[in-house]
Amino acid sequence: MKKVKLVIHESSVNKQIGAELLLQMNDKANCIDVINEVDRLINERGGFSLPGYRSLLHMVYNPAENRFYKQVAVSAYKEGEGMINLRVDPKQQLPADVTVVLIPAGGCISEWEEVVDFEEFSRTVQKG
């Protein structure tokens, strides 16, 4: 098991579960696994509350193209080491003791994409 700190900058999510989460994850966990764990915690507290989205993962990730939406700001870093570019491969294994910062609607993003329809999103995620 490894520790992953996730910092989320989204007020509605922060109201449900807080802005910073320290999660115990499987040694092979990636950023998508971390967001899925957050969705599990959100569902325990009544479900995702942002209109138009069914989960945090649905809000930030296009599973058909294995990428974060253009409006999403995401980065990871480990103290004393460089940044990890999660945009290149959202499913890359995260190191232990990493901090991931997720901003679902990055403030300085000029291009906005519509998210994938939830039924299509669910089918694609289930295929793996």
N, C-alpha and C. Protein backbone atom coordinates (compact mmCIF):
# COMPACT_ATOMS: atom_id res chain seq x y z
N MET A 1 0.85 -1.19 0.00
CA MET A 1 0.00 0.00 0.00
C MET A 1 0.88 1.24 0.00
N LYS A 2 0.36 2.30 -0.62
CA LYS A 2 1.09 3.56 -0.65
C LYS A 2 0.15 4.70 -0.32
N LYS A 3 0.74 5.81 0.12
CA LYS A 3 -0.04 7.01 0.44
C LYS A 3 -0.04 7.94 -0.76
N VAL A 4 -1.23 8.47 -1.05
CA VAL A 4 -1.40 9.46 -2.10
C VAL A 4 -2.21 10.60 -1.50
N LYS A 5 -1.68 11.80 -1.62
CA LYS A 5 -2.42 12.98 -1.18
C LYS A 5 -3.07 13.59 -2.42
N LEU A 6 -4.37 13.81 -2.34
CA LEU A 6 -5.11 14.43 -3.44
C LEU A 6 -5.66 15.76 -2.97
N VAL A 7 -5.34 16.81 -3.71
CA VAL A 7 -5.84 18.15 -3.45
C VAL A 7 -6.81 18.48 -4.57
N ILE A 8 -8.05 18.77 -4.20
CA ILE A 8 -9.09 19.05 -5.19
C ILE A 8 -9.54 20.50 -5.04
N HIS A 9 -9.56 21.21 -6.14
CA HIS A 9 -10.03 22.60 -6.15
C HIS A 9 -11.39 22.65 -6.85
N GLU A 10 -12.43 22.27 -6.13
CA GLU A 10 -13.81 22.31 -6.64
C GLU A 10 -14.71 22.43 -5.42
N SER A 11 -15.33 23.59 -5.27
CA SER A 11 -16.05 23.90 -4.03
C SER A 11 -17.14 22.90 -3.68
N SER A 12 -17.90 22.43 -4.65
CA SER A 12 -18.98 21.48 -4.31
C SER A 12 -18.42 20.16 -3.81
N VAL A 13 -17.31 19.71 -4.38
CA VAL A 13 -16.67 18.48 -3.92
C VAL A 13 -16.05 18.72 -2.54
N ASN A 14 -15.43 19.88 -2.36
CA ASN A 14 -14.80 20.21 -1.08
C ASN A 14 -15.82 20.21 0.05
N LYS A 15 -17.04 20.64 -0.22
CA LYS A 15 -18.09 20.66 0.81
C LYS A 15 -18.45 19.24 1.24
N GLN A 16 -18.37 18.29 0.33
CA GLN A 16 -18.74 16.91 0.65
C GLN A 16 -17.62 16.14 1.35
N ILE A 17 -16.39 16.28 0.85
CA ILE A 17 -15.32 15.41 1.36
C ILE A 17 -14.06 16.16 1.78
N GLY A 18 -14.05 17.48 1.61
CA GLY A 18 -12.87 18.26 1.95
C GLY A 18 -12.00 18.55 0.74
N ALA A 19 -11.03 19.43 0.90
CA ALA A 19 -10.17 19.84 -0.21
C ALA A 19 -8.92 18.98 -0.33
N GLU A 20 -8.51 18.35 0.77
CA GLU A 20 -7.33 17.50 0.75
C GLU A 20 -7.65 16.14 1.36
N LEU A 21 -7.27 15.10 0.65
CA LEU A 21 -7.52 13.74 1.12
C LEU A 21 -6.20 12.98 1.12
N LEU A 22 -5.96 12.26 2.18
CA LEU A 22 -4.80 11.37 2.25
C LEU A 22 -5.36 9.96 2.10
N LEU A 23 -5.02 9.31 1.01
CA LEU A 23 -5.60 8.02 0.67
C LEU A 23 -4.55 6.92 0.72
N GLN A 24 -4.96 5.76 1.17
CA GLN A 24 -4.14 4.55 1.11
C GLN A 24 -4.55 3.82 -0.16
N MET A 25 -3.63 3.65 -1.07
CA MET A 25 -3.94 3.05 -2.35
C MET A 25 -3.06 1.83 -2.59
N ASN A 26 -3.51 0.97 -3.48
CA ASN A 26 -2.74 -0.18 -3.93
C ASN A 26 -1.42 0.31 -4.51
N ASP A 27 -0.36 -0.47 -4.39
CA ASP A 27 0.96 -0.07 -4.88
C ASP A 27 0.98 0.26 -6.37
N LYS A 28 0.08 -0.32 -7.15
CA LYS A 28 0.06 -0.08 -8.60
C LYS A 28 -0.95 1.00 -9.01
N ALA A 29 -1.50 1.70 -8.05
CA ALA A 29 -2.55 2.68 -8.33
C ALA A 29 -2.06 3.82 -9.22
N ASN A 30 -2.99 4.29 -10.06
CA ASN A 30 -2.72 5.44 -10.92
C ASN A 30 -3.72 6.55 -10.57
N CYS A 31 -3.66 7.64 -11.29
CA CYS A 31 -4.53 8.79 -10.99
C CYS A 31 -6.01 8.44 -11.16
N ILE A 32 -6.33 7.61 -12.14
CA ILE A 32 -7.73 7.21 -12.36
C ILE A 32 -8.22 6.40 -11.17
N ASP A 33 -7.38 5.52 -10.64
CA ASP A 33 -7.74 4.75 -9.44
C ASP A 33 -8.00 5.68 -8.26
N VAL A 34 -7.17 6.72 -8.12
CA VAL A 34 -7.33 7.68 -7.02
C VAL A 34 -8.66 8.42 -7.15
N ILE A 35 -8.99 8.86 -8.35
CA ILE A 35 -10.26 9.57 -8.56
C ILE A 35 -11.44 8.63 -8.33
N ASN A 36 -11.31 7.38 -8.73
CA ASN A 36 -12.37 6.39 -8.45
C ASN A 36 -12.57 6.21 -6.95
N GLU A 37 -11.50 6.23 -6.19
CA GLU A 37 -11.61 6.11 -4.73
C GLU A 37 -12.34 7.33 -4.16
N VAL A 38 -12.05 8.50 -4.68
CA VAL A 38 -12.76 9.71 -4.25
C VAL A 38 -14.24 9.59 -4.59
N ASP A 39 -14.56 9.09 -5.76
CA ASP A 39 -15.96 8.89 -6.13
C ASP A 39 -16.65 7.91 -5.17
N ARG A 40 -15.93 6.88 -4.76
CA ARG A 40 -16.50 5.94 -3.79
C ARG A 40 -16.84 6.68 -2.49
N LEU A 41 -15.93 7.53 -2.02
CA LEU A 41 -16.17 8.30 -0.79
C LEU A 41 -17.34 9.27 -0.97
N ILE A 42 -17.42 9.90 -2.12
CA ILE A 42 -18.52 10.83 -2.40
C ILE A 42 -19.85 10.08 -2.40
N ASN A 43 -19.87 8.90 -3.00
CA ASN A 43 -21.11 8.10 -3.03
C ASN A 43 -21.55 7.69 -1.64
N GLU A 44 -20.60 7.44 -0.74
CA GLU A 44 -20.94 7.13 0.65
C GLU A 44 -21.60 8.31 1.35
N ARG A 45 -21.36 9.50 0.84
CA ARG A 45 -21.90 10.72 1.45
C ARG A 45 -23.06 11.31 0.64
N GLY A 46 -23.73 10.49 -0.14
CA GLY A 46 -24.93 10.94 -0.82
C GLY A 46 -24.82 11.11 -2.31
N GLY A 47 -23.66 10.94 -2.90
CA GLY A 47 -23.51 11.03 -4.35
C GLY A 47 -22.97 12.36 -4.83
N PHE A 48 -22.58 12.38 -6.08
CA PHE A 48 -21.98 13.56 -6.69
C PHE A 48 -23.02 14.64 -6.88
N SER A 49 -22.69 15.86 -6.48
CA SER A 49 -23.71 16.91 -6.41
C SER A 49 -23.66 17.96 -7.52
N LEU A 50 -22.73 17.87 -8.43
CA LEU A 50 -22.67 18.87 -9.50
C LEU A 50 -23.61 18.50 -10.64
N PRO A 51 -24.51 19.39 -11.01
CA PRO A 51 -25.43 19.09 -12.11
C PRO A 51 -24.67 18.86 -13.42
N GLY A 52 -25.14 17.90 -14.19
CA GLY A 52 -24.52 17.61 -15.47
C GLY A 52 -23.44 16.54 -15.42
N TYR A 53 -23.06 16.14 -14.22
CA TYR A 53 -22.02 15.12 -14.05
C TYR A 53 -22.52 14.06 -13.08
N ARG A 54 -22.05 12.84 -13.27
CA ARG A 54 -22.48 11.75 -12.39
C ARG A 54 -21.38 11.33 -11.42
N SER A 55 -20.16 11.81 -11.65
CA SER A 55 -19.04 11.49 -10.76
C SER A 55 -17.91 12.47 -11.06
N LEU A 56 -16.93 12.49 -10.17
CA LEU A 56 -15.76 13.32 -10.41
C LEU A 56 -15.00 12.81 -11.64
N LEU A 57 -14.87 11.50 -11.76
CA LEU A 57 -14.18 10.94 -12.93
C LEU A 57 -14.92 11.33 -14.21
N HIS A 58 -16.23 11.25 -14.20
CA HIS A 58 -17.03 11.65 -15.37
C HIS A 58 -16.76 13.11 -15.72
N MET A 59 -16.56 13.94 -14.72
CA MET A 59 -16.35 15.38 -14.92
C MET A 59 -14.99 15.70 -15.54
N VAL A 60 -13.97 14.87 -15.26
CA VAL A 60 -12.61 15.25 -15.63
C VAL A 60 -11.94 14.38 -16.70
N TYR A 61 -12.49 13.20 -17.00
CA TYR A 61 -11.74 12.21 -17.79
C TYR A 61 -12.55 11.65 -18.94
N ASN A 62 -11.92 11.57 -20.11
CA ASN A 62 -12.52 10.95 -21.29
C ASN A 62 -11.92 9.55 -21.43
N PRO A 63 -12.67 8.50 -21.05
CA PRO A 63 -12.09 7.15 -21.07
C PRO A 63 -11.86 6.61 -22.48
N ALA A 64 -12.64 7.06 -23.45
CA ALA A 64 -12.46 6.57 -24.82
C ALA A 64 -11.11 7.00 -25.39
N GLU A 65 -10.64 8.16 -24.96
CA GLU A 65 -9.37 8.70 -25.45
C GLU A 65 -8.26 8.64 -24.39
N ASN A 66 -8.56 8.10 -23.22
CA ASN A 66 -7.62 8.00 -22.10
C ASN A 66 -6.91 9.33 -21.86
N ARG A 67 -7.71 10.37 -21.62
CA ARG A 67 -7.12 11.68 -21.37
C ARG A 67 -8.07 12.53 -20.54
N PHE A 68 -7.47 13.52 -19.87
CA PHE A 68 -8.26 14.51 -19.14
C PHE A 68 -8.78 15.54 -20.12
N TYR A 69 -9.95 16.10 -19.83
CA TYR A 69 -10.48 17.15 -20.68
C TYR A 69 -9.58 18.38 -20.65
N LYS A 70 -9.66 19.19 -21.69
CA LYS A 70 -8.79 20.36 -21.82
C LYS A 70 -8.95 21.35 -20.68
N GLN A 71 -10.15 21.46 -20.13
CA GLN A 71 -10.39 22.42 -19.05
C GLN A 71 -9.88 21.95 -17.68
N VAL A 72 -9.44 20.72 -17.60
CA VAL A 72 -8.98 20.13 -16.34
C VAL A 72 -7.49 20.40 -16.15
N ALA A 73 -7.17 20.96 -15.00
CA ALA A 73 -5.76 21.12 -14.63
C ALA A 73 -5.41 19.99 -13.67
N VAL A 74 -4.35 19.27 -13.97
CA VAL A 74 -3.95 18.14 -13.14
C VAL A 74 -2.42 18.06 -13.14
N SER A 75 -1.87 17.86 -11.96
CA SER A 75 -0.42 17.68 -11.85
C SER A 75 -0.14 16.82 -10.64
N ALA A 76 1.06 16.28 -10.62
CA ALA A 76 1.48 15.48 -9.48
C ALA A 76 2.94 15.78 -9.21
N TYR A 77 3.31 15.68 -7.94
CA TYR A 77 4.70 15.89 -7.58
C TYR A 77 5.01 15.11 -6.31
N LYS A 78 6.28 14.84 -6.16
CA LYS A 78 6.78 14.18 -4.97
C LYS A 78 7.88 15.07 -4.42
N GLU A 79 7.84 15.34 -3.12
CA GLU A 79 8.84 16.22 -2.49
C GLU A 79 10.25 15.82 -2.91
N GLY A 80 11.02 16.81 -3.33
CA GLY A 80 12.40 16.58 -3.71
C GLY A 80 12.60 16.01 -5.10
N GLU A 81 11.51 15.78 -5.81
CA GLU A 81 11.59 15.24 -7.17
C GLU A 81 10.79 16.15 -8.09
N GLY A 82 10.87 15.93 -9.37
CA GLY A 82 10.19 16.76 -10.35
C GLY A 82 8.70 16.47 -10.46
N MET A 83 8.07 17.25 -11.30
CA MET A 83 6.64 17.09 -11.57
C MET A 83 6.41 15.83 -12.41
N ILE A 84 5.23 15.26 -12.26
CA ILE A 84 4.83 14.10 -13.05
C ILE A 84 3.71 14.57 -13.97
N ASN A 85 3.91 14.43 -15.26
CA ASN A 85 2.93 14.88 -16.24
C ASN A 85 1.85 13.81 -16.42
N LEU A 86 0.74 13.99 -15.75
CA LEU A 86 -0.36 13.02 -15.82
C LEU A 86 -1.16 13.14 -17.11
N ARG A 87 -0.98 14.22 -17.84
CA ARG A 87 -1.68 14.38 -19.11
C ARG A 87 -1.16 13.40 -20.16
N VAL A 88 0.12 13.07 -20.09
CA VAL A 88 0.73 12.16 -21.05
C VAL A 88 0.10 10.77 -20.93
N ASP A 89 -0.09 10.31 -19.70
CA ASP A 89 -0.68 8.99 -19.45
C ASP A 89 -1.38 9.00 -18.10
N PRO A 90 -2.70 9.26 -18.08
CA PRO A 90 -3.43 9.29 -16.81
C PRO A 90 -3.38 7.97 -16.04
N LYS A 91 -3.04 6.88 -16.74
CA LYS A 91 -3.02 5.57 -16.09
C LYS A 91 -1.62 5.12 -15.69
N GLN A 92 -0.66 6.04 -15.74
CA GLN A 92 0.68 5.67 -15.30
C GLN A 92 0.69 5.46 -13.78
N GLN A 93 1.44 4.50 -13.35
CA GLN A 93 1.52 4.19 -11.92
C GLN A 93 2.10 5.38 -11.17
N LEU A 94 1.46 5.74 -10.08
CA LEU A 94 1.93 6.84 -9.25
C LEU A 94 2.95 6.33 -8.23
N PRO A 95 3.97 7.15 -7.93
CA PRO A 95 4.90 6.74 -6.87
C PRO A 95 4.25 6.90 -5.50
N ALA A 96 4.83 6.27 -4.51
CA ALA A 96 4.34 6.43 -3.13
C ALA A 96 4.61 7.86 -2.67
N ASP A 97 3.80 8.32 -1.74
CA ASP A 97 3.96 9.64 -1.13
C ASP A 97 3.93 10.77 -2.14
N VAL A 98 3.08 10.64 -3.13
CA VAL A 98 2.92 11.66 -4.16
C VAL A 98 1.75 12.56 -3.81
N THR A 99 1.79 13.79 -4.27
CA THR A 99 0.67 14.71 -4.14
C THR A 99 0.12 14.97 -5.53
N VAL A 100 -1.18 14.77 -5.69
CA VAL A 100 -1.86 15.05 -6.96
C VAL A 100 -2.77 16.24 -6.73
N VAL A 101 -2.68 17.22 -7.63
CA VAL A 101 -3.54 18.39 -7.58
C VAL A 101 -4.48 18.32 -8.76
N LEU A 102 -5.79 18.39 -8.47
CA LEU A 102 -6.82 18.28 -9.50
C LEU A 102 -7.73 19.50 -9.45
N ILE A 103 -7.81 20.20 -10.58
CA ILE A 103 -8.70 21.34 -10.71
C ILE A 103 -9.63 21.03 -11.88
N PRO A 104 -10.86 20.56 -11.60
CA PRO A 104 -11.76 20.15 -12.66
C PRO A 104 -12.09 21.23 -13.69
N ALA A 105 -12.12 22.47 -13.27
CA ALA A 105 -12.41 23.57 -14.19
C ALA A 105 -11.34 24.62 -14.01
N GLY A 106 -10.17 24.36 -14.59
CA GLY A 106 -9.04 25.26 -14.45
C GLY A 106 -9.39 26.68 -14.87
N GLY A 107 -9.08 27.65 -14.03
CA GLY A 107 -9.47 29.03 -14.26
C GLY A 107 -8.84 29.70 -15.46
N CYS A 108 -7.66 29.26 -15.87
CA CYS A 108 -6.98 29.93 -16.98
C CYS A 108 -7.07 29.12 -18.27
N ILE A 109 -8.01 28.22 -18.34
CA ILE A 109 -8.18 27.41 -19.54
C ILE A 109 -9.13 28.14 -20.48
N SER A 110 -8.70 28.36 -21.72
CA SER A 110 -9.53 29.11 -22.66
C SER A 110 -10.39 28.21 -23.53
N GLU A 111 -10.06 26.93 -23.60
CA GLU A 111 -10.81 26.01 -24.42
C GLU A 111 -11.57 25.04 -23.53
N TRP A 112 -12.86 24.87 -23.78
CA TRP A 112 -13.71 24.03 -22.95
C TRP A 112 -14.30 22.91 -23.78
N GLU A 113 -14.29 21.69 -23.25
CA GLU A 113 -14.88 20.54 -23.93
C GLU A 113 -16.11 20.07 -23.19
N GLU A 114 -17.08 19.58 -23.92
CA GLU A 114 -18.23 18.93 -23.31
C GLU A 114 -17.81 17.52 -22.90
N VAL A 115 -18.31 17.07 -21.77
CA VAL A 115 -17.96 15.72 -21.32
C VAL A 115 -18.74 14.68 -22.10
N VAL A 116 -18.20 13.48 -22.13
CA VAL A 116 -18.84 12.35 -22.79
C VAL A 116 -20.15 12.04 -22.08
N ASP A 117 -21.17 11.69 -22.84
CA ASP A 117 -22.46 11.26 -22.28
C ASP A 117 -22.21 10.15 -21.26
N PHE A 118 -22.93 10.20 -20.13
CA PHE A 118 -22.62 9.29 -19.03
C PHE A 118 -22.79 7.82 -19.40
N GLU A 119 -23.79 7.47 -20.20
CA GLU A 119 -23.97 6.07 -20.59
C GLU A 119 -22.79 5.58 -21.42
N GLU A 120 -22.34 6.42 -22.37
CA GLU A 120 -21.17 6.07 -23.16
C GLU A 120 -19.92 6.00 -22.27
N PHE A 121 -19.79 6.95 -21.37
CA PHE A 121 -18.69 6.97 -20.42
C PHE A 121 -18.66 5.66 -19.63
N SER A 122 -19.80 5.25 -19.09
CA SER A 122 -19.89 4.03 -18.28
C SER A 122 -19.52 2.78 -19.09
N ARG A 123 -20.03 2.70 -20.31
CA ARG A 123 -19.70 1.55 -21.16
C ARG A 123 -18.19 1.47 -21.42
N THR A 124 -17.58 2.60 -21.72
CA THR A 124 -16.16 2.64 -22.03
C THR A 124 -15.32 2.29 -20.80
N VAL A 125 -15.70 2.81 -19.64
CA VAL A 125 -14.97 2.51 -18.40
C VAL A 125 -15.07 1.02 -18.09
N GLN A 126 -16.24 0.44 -18.28
CA GLN A 126 -16.42 -0.98 -17.97
C GLN A 126 -15.58 -1.88 -18.88
N LYS A 127 -15.37 -1.44 -20.12
CA LYS A 127 -14.54 -2.22 -21.06
C LYS A 127 -13.08 -2.24 -20.62
N GLY A 128 -12.70 -1.22 -19.83
CA GLY A 128 -11.35 -1.20 -19.28
C GLY A 128 -10.43 -0.38 -20.06
